[in-house]
Amino acid sequence: MTVAELEKRVVSLEHTLEALRQKVDKEEPARPWWEQVRGTFKDDPIYDEAMRLGRAWRDAADKEPTQS
């Protein structure tokens, strides 16, 4: 590759990089994953039942004697 070809390629890469930087600067910061899914199961009876069953299982597991 000649020096002129390399210079042309570097100029092209610099333009592409600048365009990407401008695009990133315009974007809003990403929200944490938990904020994106928050409220997804609001008023969902199946989700409420799953939470109730999970709590019952944890409560039962806490009452079991530990093995030594």
N, C-alpha and C. Protein backbone atom coordinates (compact mmCIF):
# COMPACT_ATOMS: atom_id res chain seq x y z
N MET A 1 0.85 -1.17 0.00
CA MET A 1 0.00 0.00 0.00
C MET A 1 0.89 1.24 0.00
N THR A 2 0.56 2.17 -0.84
CA THR A 2 1.38 3.38 -0.93
C THR A 2 1.05 4.35 0.20
N VAL A 3 1.92 5.32 0.39
CA VAL A 3 1.71 6.33 1.42
C VAL A 3 0.43 7.11 1.14
N ALA A 4 0.18 7.43 -0.12
CA ALA A 4 -1.03 8.17 -0.49
C ALA A 4 -2.28 7.36 -0.16
N GLU A 5 -2.24 6.06 -0.41
CA GLU A 5 -3.38 5.19 -0.09
C GLU A 5 -3.61 5.12 1.43
N LEU A 6 -2.51 5.02 2.17
CA LEU A 6 -2.61 4.99 3.63
C LEU A 6 -3.18 6.29 4.17
N GLU A 7 -2.72 7.42 3.62
CA GLU A 7 -3.24 8.71 4.07
C GLU A 7 -4.73 8.84 3.77
N LYS A 8 -5.13 8.37 2.60
CA LYS A 8 -6.54 8.41 2.22
C LYS A 8 -7.37 7.53 3.19
N ARG A 9 -6.83 6.37 3.53
CA ARG A 9 -7.53 5.47 4.45
C ARG A 9 -7.62 6.06 5.86
N VAL A 10 -6.56 6.70 6.30
CA VAL A 10 -6.57 7.33 7.63
C VAL A 10 -7.60 8.46 7.67
N VAL A 11 -7.67 9.26 6.63
CA VAL A 11 -8.66 10.34 6.57
C VAL A 11 -10.07 9.76 6.64
N SER A 12 -10.30 8.69 5.89
CA SER A 12 -11.62 8.04 5.90
C SER A 12 -11.95 7.52 7.30
N LEU A 13 -10.98 6.89 7.95
CA LEU A 13 -11.19 6.37 9.31
C LEU A 13 -11.46 7.51 10.30
N GLU A 14 -10.77 8.61 10.15
CA GLU A 14 -10.99 9.76 11.03
C GLU A 14 -12.41 10.30 10.88
N HIS A 15 -12.90 10.37 9.63
CA HIS A 15 -14.27 10.84 9.40
C HIS A 15 -15.29 9.88 10.03
N THR A 16 -15.05 8.59 9.85
CA THR A 16 -15.94 7.59 10.42
C THR A 16 -15.94 7.68 11.94
N LEU A 17 -14.76 7.82 12.53
CA LEU A 17 -14.64 7.93 13.98
C LEU A 17 -15.37 9.16 14.50
N GLU A 18 -15.24 10.27 13.82
CA GLU A 18 -15.92 11.50 14.23
C GLU A 18 -17.43 11.33 14.16
N ALA A 19 -17.92 10.68 13.11
CA ALA A 19 -19.36 10.44 12.99
C ALA A 19 -19.86 9.55 14.13
N LEU A 20 -19.10 8.54 14.49
CA LEU A 20 -19.47 7.66 15.60
C LEU A 20 -19.46 8.41 16.93
N ARG A 21 -18.47 9.26 17.12
CA ARG A 21 -18.41 10.05 18.36
C ARG A 21 -19.62 10.96 18.48
N GLN A 22 -20.02 11.59 17.40
CA GLN A 22 -21.18 12.47 17.44
C GLN A 22 -22.45 11.67 17.74
N LYS A 23 -22.56 10.48 17.18
CA LYS A 23 -23.72 9.63 17.43
C LYS A 23 -23.78 9.23 18.90
N VAL A 24 -22.65 8.86 19.46
CA VAL A 24 -22.60 8.44 20.87
C VAL A 24 -22.92 9.62 21.78
N ASP A 25 -22.43 10.80 21.44
CA ASP A 25 -22.68 11.99 22.26
C ASP A 25 -24.16 12.34 22.30
N LYS A 26 -24.90 12.05 21.23
CA LYS A 26 -26.32 12.37 21.16
C LYS A 26 -27.18 11.39 21.97
N GLU A 27 -26.70 10.16 22.12
CA GLU A 27 -27.49 9.13 22.80
C GLU A 27 -27.57 9.41 24.29
N GLU A 28 -28.72 9.09 24.85
CA GLU A 28 -28.89 9.21 26.29
C GLU A 28 -28.19 8.02 26.96
N PRO A 29 -27.72 8.20 28.18
CA PRO A 29 -27.07 7.08 28.86
C PRO A 29 -28.07 5.93 29.04
N ALA A 30 -27.57 4.74 28.92
CA ALA A 30 -28.42 3.56 29.05
C ALA A 30 -28.91 3.43 30.50
N ARG A 31 -30.18 3.08 30.63
CA ARG A 31 -30.74 2.85 31.96
C ARG A 31 -30.31 1.48 32.44
N PRO A 32 -30.16 1.31 33.75
CA PRO A 32 -29.84 -0.02 34.27
C PRO A 32 -30.92 -1.02 33.86
N TRP A 33 -30.55 -2.30 33.75
CA TRP A 33 -31.49 -3.32 33.28
C TRP A 33 -32.72 -3.39 34.16
N TRP A 34 -32.54 -3.20 35.47
CA TRP A 34 -33.68 -3.36 36.38
C TRP A 34 -34.68 -2.22 36.19
N GLU A 35 -34.24 -1.06 35.76
CA GLU A 35 -35.18 0.02 35.47
C GLU A 35 -35.94 -0.25 34.18
N GLN A 36 -35.33 -0.95 33.26
CA GLN A 36 -35.98 -1.25 31.99
C GLN A 36 -37.09 -2.28 32.17
N VAL A 37 -36.97 -3.18 33.15
CA VAL A 37 -37.99 -4.22 33.34
C VAL A 37 -38.93 -3.89 34.50
N ARG A 38 -38.62 -2.85 35.25
CA ARG A 38 -39.45 -2.48 36.39
C ARG A 38 -40.89 -2.23 35.92
N GLY A 39 -41.83 -2.83 36.64
CA GLY A 39 -43.24 -2.64 36.33
C GLY A 39 -43.78 -3.59 35.27
N THR A 40 -42.93 -4.43 34.72
CA THR A 40 -43.36 -5.35 33.67
C THR A 40 -44.49 -6.27 34.14
N PHE A 41 -44.42 -6.71 35.40
CA PHE A 41 -45.39 -7.67 35.91
C PHE A 41 -46.43 -7.03 36.83
N LYS A 42 -46.58 -5.72 36.74
CA LYS A 42 -47.54 -5.03 37.60
C LYS A 42 -48.94 -5.60 37.39
N ASP A 43 -49.61 -5.90 38.50
CA ASP A 43 -50.98 -6.43 38.49
C ASP A 43 -51.11 -7.75 37.72
N ASP A 44 -50.04 -8.52 37.67
CA ASP A 44 -50.07 -9.83 37.00
C ASP A 44 -50.28 -10.91 38.07
N PRO A 45 -51.44 -11.57 38.09
CA PRO A 45 -51.71 -12.56 39.14
C PRO A 45 -50.76 -13.75 39.11
N ILE A 46 -50.27 -14.12 37.96
CA ILE A 46 -49.34 -15.25 37.88
C ILE A 46 -48.01 -14.87 38.54
N TYR A 47 -47.55 -13.66 38.30
CA TYR A 47 -46.32 -13.19 38.94
C TYR A 47 -46.51 -13.12 40.46
N ASP A 48 -47.64 -12.59 40.89
CA ASP A 48 -47.92 -12.51 42.33
C ASP A 48 -47.92 -13.89 42.96
N GLU A 49 -48.49 -14.87 42.28
CA GLU A 49 -48.50 -16.25 42.80
C GLU A 49 -47.09 -16.81 42.85
N ALA A 50 -46.28 -16.54 41.84
CA ALA A 50 -44.89 -17.01 41.84
C ALA A 50 -44.13 -16.42 43.02
N MET A 51 -44.35 -15.15 43.30
CA MET A 51 -43.68 -14.51 44.44
C MET A 51 -44.15 -15.12 45.76
N ARG A 52 -45.45 -15.40 45.86
CA ARG A 52 -45.99 -16.01 47.07
C ARG A 52 -45.39 -17.40 47.28
N LEU A 53 -45.32 -18.20 46.23
CA LEU A 53 -44.76 -19.54 46.34
C LEU A 53 -43.26 -19.48 46.69
N GLY A 54 -42.55 -18.54 46.09
CA GLY A 54 -41.13 -18.39 46.42
C GLY A 54 -40.92 -18.02 47.87
N ARG A 55 -41.74 -17.12 48.38
CA ARG A 55 -41.65 -16.73 49.79
C ARG A 55 -41.96 -17.93 50.69
N ALA A 56 -43.00 -18.69 50.36
CA ALA A 56 -43.36 -19.87 51.16
C ALA A 56 -42.22 -20.88 51.17
N TRP A 57 -41.57 -21.08 50.02
CA TRP A 57 -40.46 -22.03 49.95
C TRP A 57 -39.28 -21.54 50.80
N ARG A 58 -38.96 -20.25 50.72
CA ARG A 58 -37.85 -19.72 51.52
C ARG A 58 -38.16 -19.81 53.02
N ASP A 59 -39.40 -19.50 53.39
CA ASP A 59 -39.78 -19.59 54.79
C ASP A 59 -39.67 -21.02 55.29
N ALA A 60 -40.11 -21.99 54.49
CA ALA A 60 -40.01 -23.40 54.88
C ALA A 60 -38.55 -23.83 54.97
N ALA A 61 -37.72 -23.37 54.05
CA ALA A 61 -36.30 -23.73 54.07
C ALA A 61 -35.61 -23.14 55.29
N ASP A 62 -36.03 -21.95 55.72
CA ASP A 62 -35.43 -21.33 56.90
C ASP A 62 -35.77 -22.09 58.18
N LYS A 63 -36.93 -22.76 58.20
CA LYS A 63 -37.37 -23.49 59.40
C LYS A 63 -36.75 -24.86 59.51
N GLU A 64 -36.20 -25.39 58.42
CA GLU A 64 -35.60 -26.72 58.45
C GLU A 64 -34.30 -26.67 59.24
N PRO A 65 -34.08 -27.71 60.06
CA PRO A 65 -32.83 -27.75 60.82
C PRO A 65 -31.63 -27.93 59.89
N THR A 66 -30.54 -27.29 60.23
CA THR A 66 -29.33 -27.43 59.41
C THR A 66 -28.64 -28.75 59.74
N GLN A 67 -28.01 -29.33 58.73
CA GLN A 67 -27.31 -30.59 58.94
C GLN A 67 -25.85 -30.29 59.28
N SER A 68 -25.35 -30.96 60.31
CA SER A 68 -23.96 -30.73 60.71
C SER A 68 -23.12 -31.93 60.45
